[in-house]
Every structure is written in C-alpha cells, then in structure tokens.
N, C-alpha and C. Protein backbone atom coordinates (compact mmCIF):
# COMPACT_ATOMS: atom_id res chain seq x y z
N MET A 1 82.49 94.47 -64.53
CA MET A 1 81.21 94.22 -65.17
C MET A 1 81.35 93.28 -66.36
N LYS A 2 82.44 93.43 -67.13
CA LYS A 2 82.65 92.54 -68.26
C LYS A 2 82.85 91.10 -67.81
N LEU A 3 83.53 90.94 -66.66
CA LEU A 3 83.75 89.59 -66.14
C LEU A 3 82.43 88.97 -65.70
N LEU A 4 81.58 89.74 -65.03
CA LEU A 4 80.28 89.23 -64.59
C LEU A 4 79.39 88.91 -65.79
N GLU A 5 79.44 89.74 -66.82
CA GLU A 5 78.65 89.48 -68.02
C GLU A 5 79.14 88.24 -68.76
N ARG A 6 80.44 88.02 -68.76
CA ARG A 6 81.00 86.89 -69.48
C ARG A 6 80.55 85.56 -68.89
N PHE A 7 80.39 85.53 -67.55
CA PHE A 7 80.02 84.29 -66.89
C PHE A 7 78.57 84.33 -66.38
N TRP A 8 77.76 85.20 -66.92
CA TRP A 8 76.32 85.25 -66.64
C TRP A 8 76.03 85.42 -65.15
N MET A 9 76.73 86.38 -64.52
CA MET A 9 76.57 86.59 -63.08
C MET A 9 76.20 88.04 -62.76
N VAL A 10 75.66 88.78 -63.72
CA VAL A 10 75.34 90.19 -63.50
C VAL A 10 74.20 90.34 -62.51
N ASP A 11 73.19 89.51 -62.62
CA ASP A 11 72.00 89.61 -61.77
C ASP A 11 72.01 88.59 -60.63
N CYS A 12 73.19 88.13 -60.25
CA CYS A 12 73.27 87.12 -59.19
C CYS A 12 73.07 87.76 -57.82
N LYS A 13 72.78 86.92 -56.84
CA LYS A 13 72.64 87.36 -55.46
C LYS A 13 74.02 87.49 -54.84
N SER A 14 74.34 88.66 -54.28
CA SER A 14 75.67 88.92 -53.74
C SER A 14 75.85 88.26 -52.37
N VAL A 15 77.11 88.04 -52.02
CA VAL A 15 77.49 87.50 -50.71
C VAL A 15 78.46 88.46 -50.06
N THR A 16 78.69 88.30 -48.76
CA THR A 16 79.50 89.25 -48.01
C THR A 16 80.95 88.82 -47.84
N THR A 17 81.29 87.58 -48.16
CA THR A 17 82.66 87.10 -48.02
C THR A 17 83.12 86.47 -49.33
N PRO A 18 84.38 86.64 -49.69
CA PRO A 18 84.86 86.08 -50.96
C PRO A 18 85.02 84.57 -50.96
N MET A 19 85.09 83.96 -49.79
CA MET A 19 85.26 82.50 -49.72
C MET A 19 84.64 81.97 -48.44
N GLU A 20 84.12 80.74 -48.52
CA GLU A 20 83.53 80.13 -47.34
C GLU A 20 84.61 79.78 -46.31
N LEU A 21 84.21 79.74 -45.06
CA LEU A 21 85.13 79.41 -43.99
C LEU A 21 85.59 77.96 -44.11
N ASN A 22 86.89 77.73 -43.89
CA ASN A 22 87.49 76.39 -43.95
C ASN A 22 87.25 75.71 -45.29
N PHE A 23 87.40 76.48 -46.37
CA PHE A 23 87.17 75.92 -47.70
C PHE A 23 88.19 74.83 -48.03
N LYS A 24 89.45 75.02 -47.63
CA LYS A 24 90.49 74.04 -47.93
C LYS A 24 90.20 72.70 -47.26
N LYS A 25 89.74 72.74 -46.01
CA LYS A 25 89.40 71.50 -45.32
C LYS A 25 88.18 70.85 -45.96
N LEU A 26 87.26 71.67 -46.44
CA LEU A 26 86.06 71.14 -47.08
C LEU A 26 86.40 70.41 -48.37
N CYS A 27 87.42 70.90 -49.09
CA CYS A 27 87.83 70.25 -50.34
C CYS A 27 88.36 68.85 -50.08
N GLY A 28 89.04 68.65 -48.93
CA GLY A 28 89.61 67.35 -48.64
C GLY A 28 88.62 66.35 -48.09
N SER A 29 87.47 66.82 -47.60
CA SER A 29 86.52 65.93 -46.95
C SER A 29 85.29 65.62 -47.80
N VAL A 30 85.01 66.44 -48.82
CA VAL A 30 83.81 66.27 -49.63
C VAL A 30 84.22 65.73 -51.00
N ALA A 31 83.58 64.62 -51.41
CA ALA A 31 83.83 64.07 -52.74
C ALA A 31 83.05 64.88 -53.77
N SER A 32 83.77 65.31 -54.81
CA SER A 32 83.15 66.15 -55.82
C SER A 32 83.59 65.68 -57.21
N PRO A 33 82.68 65.64 -58.18
CA PRO A 33 83.07 65.19 -59.53
C PRO A 33 83.95 66.21 -60.24
N ASP A 34 84.72 65.72 -61.20
CA ASP A 34 85.57 66.59 -61.99
C ASP A 34 84.73 67.45 -62.93
N LEU A 35 85.29 68.61 -63.30
CA LEU A 35 84.61 69.47 -64.26
C LEU A 35 84.74 68.89 -65.67
N GLY A 36 83.66 68.98 -66.42
CA GLY A 36 83.70 68.48 -67.78
C GLY A 36 84.54 69.35 -68.70
N ASN A 37 84.55 70.68 -68.42
CA ASN A 37 85.32 71.62 -69.24
C ASN A 37 86.21 72.46 -68.33
N PRO A 38 87.39 71.97 -67.97
CA PRO A 38 88.26 72.71 -67.03
C PRO A 38 88.82 74.00 -67.62
N SER A 39 88.79 74.15 -68.95
CA SER A 39 89.34 75.37 -69.56
C SER A 39 88.55 76.61 -69.14
N GLU A 40 87.25 76.45 -68.94
CA GLU A 40 86.43 77.59 -68.51
C GLU A 40 86.83 78.02 -67.10
N TYR A 41 87.13 77.06 -66.25
CA TYR A 41 87.59 77.38 -64.90
C TYR A 41 88.93 78.12 -64.96
N CYS A 42 89.84 77.67 -65.80
CA CYS A 42 91.15 78.31 -65.93
C CYS A 42 91.01 79.73 -66.45
N GLN A 43 90.08 79.95 -67.38
CA GLN A 43 89.86 81.30 -67.90
C GLN A 43 89.34 82.22 -66.82
N LEU A 44 88.45 81.71 -65.97
CA LEU A 44 87.90 82.52 -64.89
C LEU A 44 88.99 82.87 -63.87
N ILE A 45 89.81 81.91 -63.50
CA ILE A 45 90.87 82.18 -62.53
C ILE A 45 91.89 83.15 -63.10
N GLY A 46 92.21 83.01 -64.38
CA GLY A 46 93.13 83.95 -65.01
C GLY A 46 92.60 85.37 -65.01
N ALA A 47 91.31 85.54 -65.26
CA ALA A 47 90.70 86.88 -65.21
C ALA A 47 90.70 87.43 -63.79
N LEU A 48 90.46 86.55 -62.81
CA LEU A 48 90.47 87.00 -61.41
C LEU A 48 91.88 87.38 -60.96
N MET A 49 92.90 86.71 -61.49
CA MET A 49 94.28 87.08 -61.17
C MET A 49 94.60 88.49 -61.64
N PHE A 50 94.11 88.83 -62.82
CA PHE A 50 94.31 90.20 -63.32
C PHE A 50 93.56 91.20 -62.45
N LEU A 51 92.35 90.86 -62.05
CA LEU A 51 91.55 91.75 -61.22
C LEU A 51 92.15 91.90 -59.83
N MET A 52 92.89 90.89 -59.37
CA MET A 52 93.50 90.93 -58.04
C MET A 52 94.52 92.05 -57.90
N ASN A 53 95.06 92.56 -59.01
CA ASN A 53 96.03 93.64 -58.95
C ASN A 53 95.46 94.94 -58.40
N SER A 54 94.14 95.06 -58.40
CA SER A 54 93.50 96.25 -57.85
C SER A 54 92.49 95.92 -56.75
N CYS A 55 92.36 94.65 -56.40
CA CYS A 55 91.40 94.23 -55.36
C CYS A 55 92.12 93.35 -54.34
N PRO A 56 92.69 93.95 -53.30
CA PRO A 56 93.41 93.13 -52.31
C PRO A 56 92.52 92.21 -51.51
N ASP A 57 91.21 92.48 -51.45
CA ASP A 57 90.32 91.66 -50.63
C ASP A 57 90.07 90.29 -51.22
N ILE A 58 90.40 90.07 -52.49
CA ILE A 58 90.19 88.75 -53.10
C ILE A 58 91.51 88.01 -53.27
N CYS A 59 92.58 88.54 -52.72
CA CYS A 59 93.92 87.97 -52.94
C CYS A 59 94.01 86.54 -52.41
N PHE A 60 93.56 86.32 -51.19
CA PHE A 60 93.64 84.99 -50.59
C PHE A 60 92.76 83.99 -51.33
N ALA A 61 91.56 84.41 -51.69
CA ALA A 61 90.64 83.50 -52.38
C ALA A 61 91.17 83.10 -53.75
N VAL A 62 91.72 84.04 -54.49
CA VAL A 62 92.27 83.74 -55.81
C VAL A 62 93.49 82.83 -55.69
N ASN A 63 94.33 83.08 -54.70
CA ASN A 63 95.50 82.23 -54.48
C ASN A 63 95.08 80.80 -54.17
N THR A 64 94.03 80.63 -53.39
CA THR A 64 93.55 79.29 -53.04
C THR A 64 92.97 78.58 -54.25
N LEU A 65 92.14 79.27 -55.01
CA LEU A 65 91.48 78.64 -56.16
C LEU A 65 92.46 78.34 -57.29
N SER A 66 93.53 79.11 -57.39
CA SER A 66 94.51 78.88 -58.46
C SER A 66 95.32 77.61 -58.24
N GLN A 67 95.28 77.03 -57.06
CA GLN A 67 96.01 75.81 -56.78
C GLN A 67 95.33 74.56 -57.34
N PHE A 68 94.11 74.71 -57.88
CA PHE A 68 93.36 73.58 -58.41
C PHE A 68 93.11 73.69 -59.91
N MET A 69 93.97 74.41 -60.62
CA MET A 69 93.76 74.63 -62.04
C MET A 69 94.09 73.41 -62.88
N VAL A 70 94.94 72.51 -62.37
CA VAL A 70 95.31 71.33 -63.15
C VAL A 70 94.13 70.37 -63.29
N LYS A 71 93.44 70.12 -62.16
CA LYS A 71 92.31 69.20 -62.18
C LYS A 71 91.21 69.75 -61.28
N PRO A 72 90.48 70.76 -61.73
CA PRO A 72 89.44 71.35 -60.89
C PRO A 72 88.22 70.43 -60.76
N HIS A 73 87.59 70.51 -59.59
CA HIS A 73 86.37 69.76 -59.33
C HIS A 73 85.18 70.72 -59.30
N HIS A 74 84.02 70.14 -59.18
CA HIS A 74 82.79 70.94 -59.19
C HIS A 74 82.75 71.88 -57.97
N ILE A 75 83.30 71.44 -56.84
CA ILE A 75 83.29 72.29 -55.64
C ILE A 75 84.15 73.53 -55.84
N HIS A 76 85.22 73.42 -56.65
CA HIS A 76 86.07 74.57 -56.93
C HIS A 76 85.35 75.56 -57.85
N TRP A 77 84.57 75.04 -58.77
CA TRP A 77 83.79 75.90 -59.65
C TRP A 77 82.74 76.67 -58.86
N ILE A 78 82.11 76.01 -57.88
CA ILE A 78 81.13 76.69 -57.04
C ILE A 78 81.80 77.80 -56.23
N ALA A 79 83.01 77.52 -55.72
CA ALA A 79 83.74 78.54 -54.95
C ALA A 79 84.13 79.72 -55.83
N ALA A 80 84.49 79.46 -57.08
CA ALA A 80 84.82 80.55 -57.99
C ALA A 80 83.59 81.40 -58.31
N LYS A 81 82.45 80.75 -58.47
CA LYS A 81 81.21 81.50 -58.69
C LYS A 81 80.84 82.30 -57.44
N ASN A 82 81.14 81.76 -56.26
CA ASN A 82 80.89 82.50 -55.02
C ASN A 82 81.73 83.77 -54.97
N LEU A 83 82.94 83.69 -55.49
CA LEU A 83 83.80 84.87 -55.55
C LEU A 83 83.23 85.92 -56.49
N LEU A 84 82.63 85.47 -57.59
CA LEU A 84 81.97 86.41 -58.48
C LEU A 84 80.76 87.07 -57.81
N ARG A 85 80.06 86.32 -56.98
CA ARG A 85 78.95 86.90 -56.22
C ARG A 85 79.45 87.99 -55.27
N TYR A 86 80.61 87.75 -54.67
CA TYR A 86 81.19 88.76 -53.78
C TYR A 86 81.57 90.01 -54.57
N LEU A 87 82.16 89.83 -55.75
CA LEU A 87 82.54 90.97 -56.58
C LEU A 87 81.32 91.76 -57.04
N CYS A 88 80.22 91.05 -57.27
CA CYS A 88 78.99 91.73 -57.68
C CYS A 88 78.48 92.66 -56.58
N GLY A 89 78.65 92.26 -55.32
CA GLY A 89 78.19 93.09 -54.22
C GLY A 89 79.15 94.19 -53.83
N THR A 90 80.41 94.08 -54.25
CA THR A 90 81.43 95.09 -53.87
C THR A 90 82.00 95.77 -55.11
N ILE A 91 81.23 95.86 -56.16
CA ILE A 91 81.74 96.39 -57.42
C ILE A 91 82.06 97.88 -57.33
N THR A 92 81.46 98.57 -56.37
CA THR A 92 81.73 100.00 -56.21
C THR A 92 82.86 100.28 -55.22
N TYR A 93 83.45 99.23 -54.64
CA TYR A 93 84.54 99.43 -53.69
C TYR A 93 85.85 99.66 -54.44
N GLY A 94 86.78 100.34 -53.77
CA GLY A 94 88.07 100.59 -54.39
C GLY A 94 89.06 101.17 -53.39
N LEU A 95 90.28 101.37 -53.84
CA LEU A 95 91.33 101.96 -53.02
C LEU A 95 91.35 103.47 -53.26
N ARG A 96 91.40 104.22 -52.18
CA ARG A 96 91.40 105.68 -52.27
C ARG A 96 92.72 106.21 -51.73
N TYR A 97 93.46 106.87 -52.58
CA TYR A 97 94.76 107.42 -52.20
C TYR A 97 94.62 108.91 -51.93
N THR A 98 95.01 109.33 -50.74
CA THR A 98 94.91 110.73 -50.33
C THR A 98 96.27 111.24 -49.87
N VAL A 99 96.43 112.53 -49.88
CA VAL A 99 97.66 113.16 -49.41
C VAL A 99 97.66 113.15 -47.89
N GLY A 100 98.75 112.69 -47.32
CA GLY A 100 98.81 112.63 -45.86
C GLY A 100 100.19 112.20 -45.38
N ASN A 101 100.23 111.57 -44.25
CA ASN A 101 101.48 111.15 -43.64
C ASN A 101 102.11 110.01 -44.45
N VAL A 102 103.37 110.19 -44.84
CA VAL A 102 104.09 109.17 -45.60
C VAL A 102 104.81 108.26 -44.61
N ARG A 103 104.13 107.23 -44.19
CA ARG A 103 104.68 106.28 -43.23
C ARG A 103 104.40 104.87 -43.73
N LEU A 104 105.46 104.12 -43.95
CA LEU A 104 105.33 102.76 -44.45
C LEU A 104 105.21 101.79 -43.29
N HIS A 105 104.14 101.03 -43.28
CA HIS A 105 103.97 100.00 -42.26
C HIS A 105 103.27 98.80 -42.88
N GLY A 106 103.49 97.63 -42.30
CA GLY A 106 102.96 96.41 -42.88
C GLY A 106 102.26 95.52 -41.88
N TYR A 107 101.56 94.53 -42.40
CA TYR A 107 100.88 93.52 -41.60
C TYR A 107 101.19 92.16 -42.21
N SER A 108 101.43 91.19 -41.39
CA SER A 108 101.75 89.85 -41.89
C SER A 108 101.11 88.80 -41.00
N ASP A 109 100.80 87.65 -41.61
CA ASP A 109 100.18 86.55 -40.88
C ASP A 109 100.41 85.27 -41.66
N ALA A 110 100.23 84.15 -41.00
CA ALA A 110 100.39 82.84 -41.65
C ALA A 110 99.52 81.83 -40.93
N ASP A 111 99.06 80.84 -41.67
CA ASP A 111 98.38 79.72 -41.05
C ASP A 111 99.35 78.53 -41.00
N LEU A 112 98.92 77.44 -40.46
CA LEU A 112 99.79 76.27 -40.31
C LEU A 112 99.16 75.08 -41.01
N ALA A 113 99.86 74.57 -42.02
CA ALA A 113 99.48 73.33 -42.72
C ALA A 113 98.03 73.38 -43.21
N SER A 114 97.68 74.48 -43.87
CA SER A 114 96.29 74.61 -44.34
C SER A 114 96.02 73.78 -45.58
N SER A 115 97.04 73.43 -46.33
CA SER A 115 96.85 72.64 -47.54
C SER A 115 96.69 71.17 -47.17
N VAL A 116 95.58 70.58 -47.56
CA VAL A 116 95.33 69.17 -47.23
C VAL A 116 96.11 68.24 -48.14
N VAL A 117 96.72 68.77 -49.20
CA VAL A 117 97.45 67.94 -50.16
C VAL A 117 98.89 67.73 -49.72
N ASP A 118 99.61 68.82 -49.47
CA ASP A 118 101.03 68.73 -49.12
C ASP A 118 101.37 69.29 -47.74
N ARG A 119 100.35 69.72 -46.97
CA ARG A 119 100.51 70.22 -45.60
C ARG A 119 101.39 71.46 -45.52
N LYS A 120 101.43 72.25 -46.57
CA LYS A 120 102.18 73.51 -46.53
C LYS A 120 101.30 74.64 -46.04
N SER A 121 101.94 75.64 -45.45
CA SER A 121 101.22 76.77 -44.89
C SER A 121 101.08 77.88 -45.93
N THR A 122 100.30 78.88 -45.60
CA THR A 122 100.07 80.02 -46.49
C THR A 122 100.56 81.29 -45.83
N SER A 123 101.33 82.07 -46.57
CA SER A 123 101.83 83.35 -46.09
C SER A 123 100.99 84.48 -46.66
N GLY A 124 100.79 85.51 -45.86
CA GLY A 124 100.05 86.68 -46.31
C GLY A 124 100.61 87.93 -45.68
N CYS A 125 100.81 88.98 -46.47
CA CYS A 125 101.28 90.25 -45.92
C CYS A 125 100.81 91.38 -46.83
N CYS A 126 100.73 92.57 -46.26
CA CYS A 126 100.34 93.75 -47.01
C CYS A 126 101.05 94.96 -46.42
N PHE A 127 101.24 95.98 -47.23
CA PHE A 127 101.93 97.20 -46.80
C PHE A 127 101.10 98.41 -47.18
N SER A 128 101.08 99.36 -46.26
CA SER A 128 100.34 100.60 -46.45
C SER A 128 101.31 101.78 -46.44
N LEU A 129 101.02 102.74 -47.28
CA LEU A 129 101.75 104.01 -47.26
C LEU A 129 100.76 105.08 -46.84
N GLY A 130 100.84 105.47 -45.59
CA GLY A 130 99.81 106.33 -45.04
C GLY A 130 98.62 105.49 -44.60
N SER A 131 97.49 105.66 -45.26
CA SER A 131 96.27 104.94 -44.88
C SER A 131 95.77 104.00 -45.95
N THR A 132 96.52 103.81 -47.03
CA THR A 132 96.04 103.01 -48.15
C THR A 132 97.06 101.96 -48.53
N LEU A 133 96.57 100.78 -48.89
CA LEU A 133 97.45 99.69 -49.30
C LEU A 133 98.15 100.00 -50.62
N ILE A 134 99.43 99.64 -50.69
CA ILE A 134 100.18 99.78 -51.94
C ILE A 134 100.76 98.44 -52.39
N SER A 135 100.74 97.44 -51.52
CA SER A 135 101.27 96.13 -51.88
C SER A 135 100.60 95.07 -51.03
N TRP A 136 100.30 93.92 -51.64
CA TRP A 136 99.69 92.81 -50.91
C TRP A 136 100.04 91.51 -51.60
N MET A 137 100.07 90.43 -50.85
CA MET A 137 100.38 89.12 -51.41
C MET A 137 99.80 88.02 -50.53
N SER A 138 99.52 86.89 -51.14
CA SER A 138 99.09 85.68 -50.45
C SER A 138 99.59 84.51 -51.27
N ARG A 139 100.47 83.71 -50.68
CA ARG A 139 101.08 82.61 -51.44
C ARG A 139 101.40 81.44 -50.52
N LYS A 140 101.45 80.27 -51.12
CA LYS A 140 101.80 79.07 -50.37
C LYS A 140 103.30 79.05 -50.10
N GLN A 141 103.68 78.63 -48.90
CA GLN A 141 105.09 78.57 -48.55
C GLN A 141 105.77 77.42 -49.28
N LYS A 142 107.07 77.55 -49.55
CA LYS A 142 107.80 76.57 -50.33
C LYS A 142 108.20 75.34 -49.52
N SER A 143 108.25 75.47 -48.21
CA SER A 143 108.65 74.35 -47.36
C SER A 143 107.55 74.06 -46.35
N VAL A 144 107.58 72.88 -45.78
CA VAL A 144 106.60 72.47 -44.78
C VAL A 144 107.07 72.93 -43.40
N ALA A 145 106.29 73.77 -42.76
CA ALA A 145 106.62 74.27 -41.43
C ALA A 145 106.24 73.25 -40.37
N LEU A 146 107.11 73.09 -39.38
CA LEU A 146 106.87 72.12 -38.32
C LEU A 146 106.18 72.72 -37.10
N SER A 147 106.02 74.03 -37.08
CA SER A 147 105.37 74.70 -35.95
C SER A 147 104.80 76.03 -36.42
N THR A 148 103.93 76.59 -35.60
CA THR A 148 103.36 77.90 -35.93
C THR A 148 104.44 78.97 -35.95
N ALA A 149 105.39 78.87 -35.02
CA ALA A 149 106.49 79.85 -34.97
C ALA A 149 107.30 79.82 -36.26
N GLU A 150 107.54 78.64 -36.81
CA GLU A 150 108.31 78.54 -38.05
C GLU A 150 107.52 79.12 -39.22
N ALA A 151 106.23 78.81 -39.30
CA ALA A 151 105.40 79.37 -40.37
C ALA A 151 105.35 80.89 -40.29
N GLU A 152 105.25 81.43 -39.08
CA GLU A 152 105.23 82.87 -38.90
C GLU A 152 106.59 83.48 -39.22
N TYR A 153 107.67 82.77 -38.91
CA TYR A 153 109.00 83.28 -39.18
C TYR A 153 109.27 83.32 -40.69
N ILE A 154 108.71 82.38 -41.43
CA ILE A 154 108.88 82.36 -42.88
C ILE A 154 108.20 83.58 -43.51
N VAL A 155 106.99 83.88 -43.07
CA VAL A 155 106.30 85.04 -43.62
C VAL A 155 106.96 86.33 -43.14
N ALA A 156 107.61 86.30 -41.98
CA ALA A 156 108.37 87.47 -41.51
C ALA A 156 109.53 87.77 -42.44
N SER A 157 110.20 86.73 -42.89
CA SER A 157 111.30 86.91 -43.85
C SER A 157 110.78 87.48 -45.16
N LEU A 158 109.65 86.99 -45.61
CA LEU A 158 109.05 87.47 -46.86
C LEU A 158 108.65 88.95 -46.73
N ALA A 159 108.03 89.29 -45.62
CA ALA A 159 107.61 90.68 -45.41
C ALA A 159 108.82 91.61 -45.25
N SER A 160 109.87 91.13 -44.63
CA SER A 160 111.07 91.95 -44.45
C SER A 160 111.73 92.26 -45.79
N CYS A 161 111.77 91.28 -46.67
CA CYS A 161 112.33 91.51 -48.01
C CYS A 161 111.52 92.57 -48.76
N GLU A 162 110.22 92.49 -48.63
CA GLU A 162 109.36 93.48 -49.29
C GLU A 162 109.58 94.86 -48.70
N ALA A 163 109.73 94.95 -47.37
CA ALA A 163 109.96 96.24 -46.73
C ALA A 163 111.30 96.84 -47.13
N VAL A 164 112.34 96.02 -47.20
CA VAL A 164 113.66 96.51 -47.62
C VAL A 164 113.60 97.05 -49.04
N TRP A 165 112.88 96.36 -49.93
CA TRP A 165 112.76 96.81 -51.31
C TRP A 165 112.04 98.15 -51.40
N PHE A 166 110.95 98.32 -50.63
CA PHE A 166 110.23 99.58 -50.63
C PHE A 166 111.08 100.72 -50.08
N ARG A 167 111.84 100.46 -49.03
CA ARG A 167 112.68 101.50 -48.45
C ARG A 167 113.76 101.95 -49.43
N LYS A 168 114.36 101.01 -50.13
CA LYS A 168 115.36 101.37 -51.13
C LYS A 168 114.74 102.11 -52.31
N LEU A 169 113.52 101.71 -52.70
CA LEU A 169 112.84 102.36 -53.81
C LEU A 169 112.55 103.83 -53.49
N PHE A 170 112.01 104.10 -52.30
CA PHE A 170 111.70 105.47 -51.92
C PHE A 170 112.97 106.30 -51.74
N SER A 171 114.04 105.66 -51.29
CA SER A 171 115.31 106.37 -51.14
C SER A 171 115.87 106.79 -52.50
N GLU A 172 115.74 105.92 -53.50
CA GLU A 172 116.25 106.25 -54.83
C GLU A 172 115.36 107.26 -55.56
N LEU A 173 114.04 107.17 -55.34
CA LEU A 173 113.13 108.07 -56.05
C LEU A 173 113.13 109.47 -55.46
N PHE A 174 113.12 109.57 -54.14
CA PHE A 174 112.93 110.87 -53.49
C PHE A 174 114.14 111.32 -52.68
N GLY A 175 115.17 110.46 -52.54
CA GLY A 175 116.32 110.82 -51.75
C GLY A 175 115.99 111.01 -50.29
N HIS A 176 114.97 110.29 -49.81
CA HIS A 176 114.51 110.45 -48.43
C HIS A 176 114.48 109.09 -47.76
N VAL A 177 115.08 109.02 -46.58
CA VAL A 177 115.09 107.78 -45.81
C VAL A 177 113.84 107.72 -44.95
N LEU A 178 113.04 106.69 -45.12
CA LEU A 178 111.81 106.55 -44.36
C LEU A 178 112.09 106.27 -42.89
N ASP A 179 111.12 106.59 -42.07
CA ASP A 179 111.22 106.24 -40.65
C ASP A 179 111.18 104.72 -40.49
N THR A 180 111.41 104.26 -39.28
CA THR A 180 111.41 102.82 -39.02
C THR A 180 110.11 102.18 -39.48
N THR A 181 110.22 101.16 -40.28
CA THR A 181 109.05 100.44 -40.80
C THR A 181 108.60 99.40 -39.78
N VAL A 182 107.40 99.54 -39.30
CA VAL A 182 106.84 98.61 -38.32
C VAL A 182 105.98 97.59 -39.06
N ILE A 183 106.23 96.31 -38.80
CA ILE A 183 105.43 95.22 -39.37
C ILE A 183 104.66 94.57 -38.23
N PHE A 184 103.36 94.67 -38.25
CA PHE A 184 102.52 94.16 -37.18
C PHE A 184 102.23 92.67 -37.40
N CYS A 185 102.20 91.94 -36.32
CA CYS A 185 101.89 90.51 -36.38
C CYS A 185 101.19 90.11 -35.08
N ASP A 186 100.71 88.88 -35.01
CA ASP A 186 99.94 88.43 -33.85
C ASP A 186 100.54 87.18 -33.23
N ASN A 187 101.86 87.01 -33.36
CA ASN A 187 102.51 85.82 -32.83
C ASN A 187 103.71 86.22 -31.99
N GLN A 188 103.65 85.93 -30.69
CA GLN A 188 104.72 86.31 -29.78
C GLN A 188 106.01 85.55 -30.06
N SER A 189 105.91 84.30 -30.47
CA SER A 189 107.11 83.50 -30.73
C SER A 189 107.92 84.10 -31.87
N ARG A 190 107.23 84.56 -32.91
CA ARG A 190 107.93 85.18 -34.03
C ARG A 190 108.62 86.47 -33.61
N ILE A 191 107.94 87.28 -32.79
CA ILE A 191 108.53 88.54 -32.33
C ILE A 191 109.78 88.29 -31.51
N HIS A 192 109.71 87.35 -30.56
CA HIS A 192 110.88 87.05 -29.72
C HIS A 192 112.01 86.47 -30.55
N LEU A 193 111.69 85.63 -31.53
CA LEU A 193 112.72 85.02 -32.36
C LEU A 193 113.38 86.05 -33.26
N SER A 194 112.62 87.05 -33.70
CA SER A 194 113.19 88.10 -34.55
C SER A 194 114.08 89.05 -33.74
N GLU A 195 113.65 89.36 -32.52
CA GLU A 195 114.43 90.27 -31.68
C GLU A 195 115.67 89.60 -31.10
N ASN A 196 115.58 88.30 -30.79
CA ASN A 196 116.70 87.59 -30.18
C ASN A 196 116.90 86.26 -30.90
N PRO A 197 117.60 86.29 -32.05
CA PRO A 197 117.75 85.08 -32.87
C PRO A 197 118.73 84.09 -32.26
N VAL A 198 118.27 83.33 -31.29
CA VAL A 198 119.12 82.34 -30.63
C VAL A 198 118.62 80.94 -30.99
N PHE A 199 119.47 79.97 -30.81
CA PHE A 199 119.13 78.58 -31.10
C PHE A 199 118.63 77.89 -29.83
N HIS A 200 117.55 77.15 -29.97
CA HIS A 200 117.09 76.29 -28.89
C HIS A 200 116.43 75.06 -29.51
N ASN A 201 115.97 74.16 -28.69
CA ASN A 201 115.53 72.86 -29.19
C ASN A 201 114.39 72.95 -30.20
N ARG A 202 113.49 73.88 -30.00
CA ARG A 202 112.30 73.93 -30.85
C ARG A 202 112.52 74.75 -32.13
N SER A 203 113.68 75.39 -32.27
CA SER A 203 113.95 76.18 -33.48
C SER A 203 115.32 75.89 -34.07
N LYS A 204 115.93 74.79 -33.67
CA LYS A 204 117.28 74.50 -34.15
C LYS A 204 117.31 74.12 -35.62
N HIS A 205 116.15 73.74 -36.19
CA HIS A 205 116.10 73.39 -37.61
C HIS A 205 115.88 74.61 -38.50
N ILE A 206 115.66 75.79 -37.89
CA ILE A 206 115.41 77.01 -38.65
C ILE A 206 116.72 77.76 -38.83
N ASP A 207 116.98 78.19 -40.06
CA ASP A 207 118.17 78.97 -40.34
C ASP A 207 117.93 80.40 -39.90
N ILE A 208 118.45 80.77 -38.73
CA ILE A 208 118.20 82.08 -38.15
C ILE A 208 119.06 83.13 -38.85
N GLY A 209 118.42 84.23 -39.28
CA GLY A 209 119.15 85.31 -39.94
C GLY A 209 119.38 86.46 -38.98
N THR A 210 120.04 87.49 -39.47
CA THR A 210 120.34 88.66 -38.67
C THR A 210 119.16 89.62 -38.69
N THR A 211 119.10 90.50 -37.68
CA THR A 211 118.04 91.50 -37.61
C THR A 211 118.27 92.57 -38.66
N LEU A 212 117.24 92.94 -39.40
CA LEU A 212 117.36 93.91 -40.47
C LEU A 212 117.22 95.32 -39.92
N SER A 213 118.08 96.21 -40.37
CA SER A 213 118.07 97.59 -39.90
C SER A 213 116.88 98.33 -40.48
N GLY A 214 116.23 99.14 -39.66
CA GLY A 214 115.12 99.95 -40.12
C GLY A 214 113.79 99.24 -40.13
N ILE A 215 113.74 98.00 -39.64
CA ILE A 215 112.50 97.23 -39.61
C ILE A 215 112.26 96.71 -38.20
N TRP A 216 111.06 96.85 -37.72
CA TRP A 216 110.74 96.44 -36.37
C TRP A 216 109.42 95.70 -36.35
N TYR A 217 109.39 94.60 -35.60
CA TYR A 217 108.16 93.82 -35.49
C TYR A 217 107.44 94.18 -34.20
N SER A 218 106.13 94.30 -34.31
CA SER A 218 105.33 94.68 -33.17
C SER A 218 104.08 93.85 -33.14
N GLU A 219 103.56 93.61 -31.93
CA GLU A 219 102.32 92.84 -31.78
C GLU A 219 101.15 93.67 -32.27
N GLU A 220 100.30 93.05 -33.07
CA GLU A 220 99.13 93.75 -33.61
C GLU A 220 98.11 93.98 -32.52
N GLN A 221 97.64 95.22 -32.41
CA GLN A 221 96.67 95.56 -31.39
C GLN A 221 95.26 95.40 -31.93
C-alpha cells in the first residue's frame, strides 16, 4: 500500500497480468522517448525488487524491467506502472505455509534469445516444499545459447545447484536426508541430455557435466 501511495496508484484500475505479452520484442520494435527523470524509475524498480522477496508472481517482470535502469524509456515506465496495477489487484494474495508432506520438488524453464539487445536467454526456476514455494528466481543467462536444448541445459544446471544446496541445508538442520528431488521441465532434449550426457554434433560445444545424485528430471505434466 505504501508503494502504491508513493506513486499515486492506489485508485488505479487493476490488470490481471504483471506484464504484457512479448514485452521484450515490443521494446525493440517501438520507438519511445527517454524518461526525463530516470531516478524515479530506478526508485520504483528498487522498491519492486524488495517486494519480489515475498511475491514470486512478479519475479520475471521485475527481472525484465531492471535491465533498463541505465537508460529507461517511456515504454519501460508504462510497463512498470502496469506492474503496479497488477499489484493493486492482487494485494490480498500471499503465500500460505501449512503442515504437510515435506517433499522438495522444483520447476524450471527457459526461453531462447529473448533479449533483443544481446540475444541472451532467460532462466527461471522455483522450488516448493510440500505445496508452497520457498525459492524462486528469474535471471538472464551469462552466455548466448545456440539452441533451445542449450538454454534449457543451462537452467538445468542452475536448478540443480539450488536443489543440492537445499538438500544439504535440510540435512544439516534436521539430520534428515530428503527423498529424490524431482525437477519438472518441458523439454525432451534437456531430459535426454541430463540422463545420457554424451557428445554429438549438436551439443559438442556444451561442457557436459556428470549426473547429480538425488536429483531427477521429469517431463512436466
């Protein structure tokens, strides 16, 4: 509420999505003037980054908008205001933690060359303990992927590192080894490459690692 009051968006009309479809492509095709006061945009994105720690549904939108903090345009300011409209309509939403089955599982996905500036892909993954999220992230990949399988394999490595850290954390805190952690994905090439890390013509440029114990990839249903 303080954030909405600060930017005069308390009585705004709410929207159902935090960001418009294909916003990144729209930024590259539409000419938009620069903002006269970019510091206000930076302050808004900084406040949204703090809010993202408890709102996983705005993670991707905040990650996208934070990439334009050096030289924001008017179209980026409109997108940030659209995110505030979404928060206004979902201000009563939250994460509910209940006692239940302690089973760690994750979801991961990636796009291919979504950035119109440097053609880098975006990685996204989240982990649930039982029925509620406990960790989520959305970030631009550090290297340019040459195929969808490579982009998916990069986010698989990122998600595996997060899963290993969680498994070690729970082992040290409770002295209990978790069951096999399943990470769901929607790419068959990534699953086959993780299960059988062999070299072939289309993946010879990828540094293939070993299969991690206690982690299994499965196709998302």
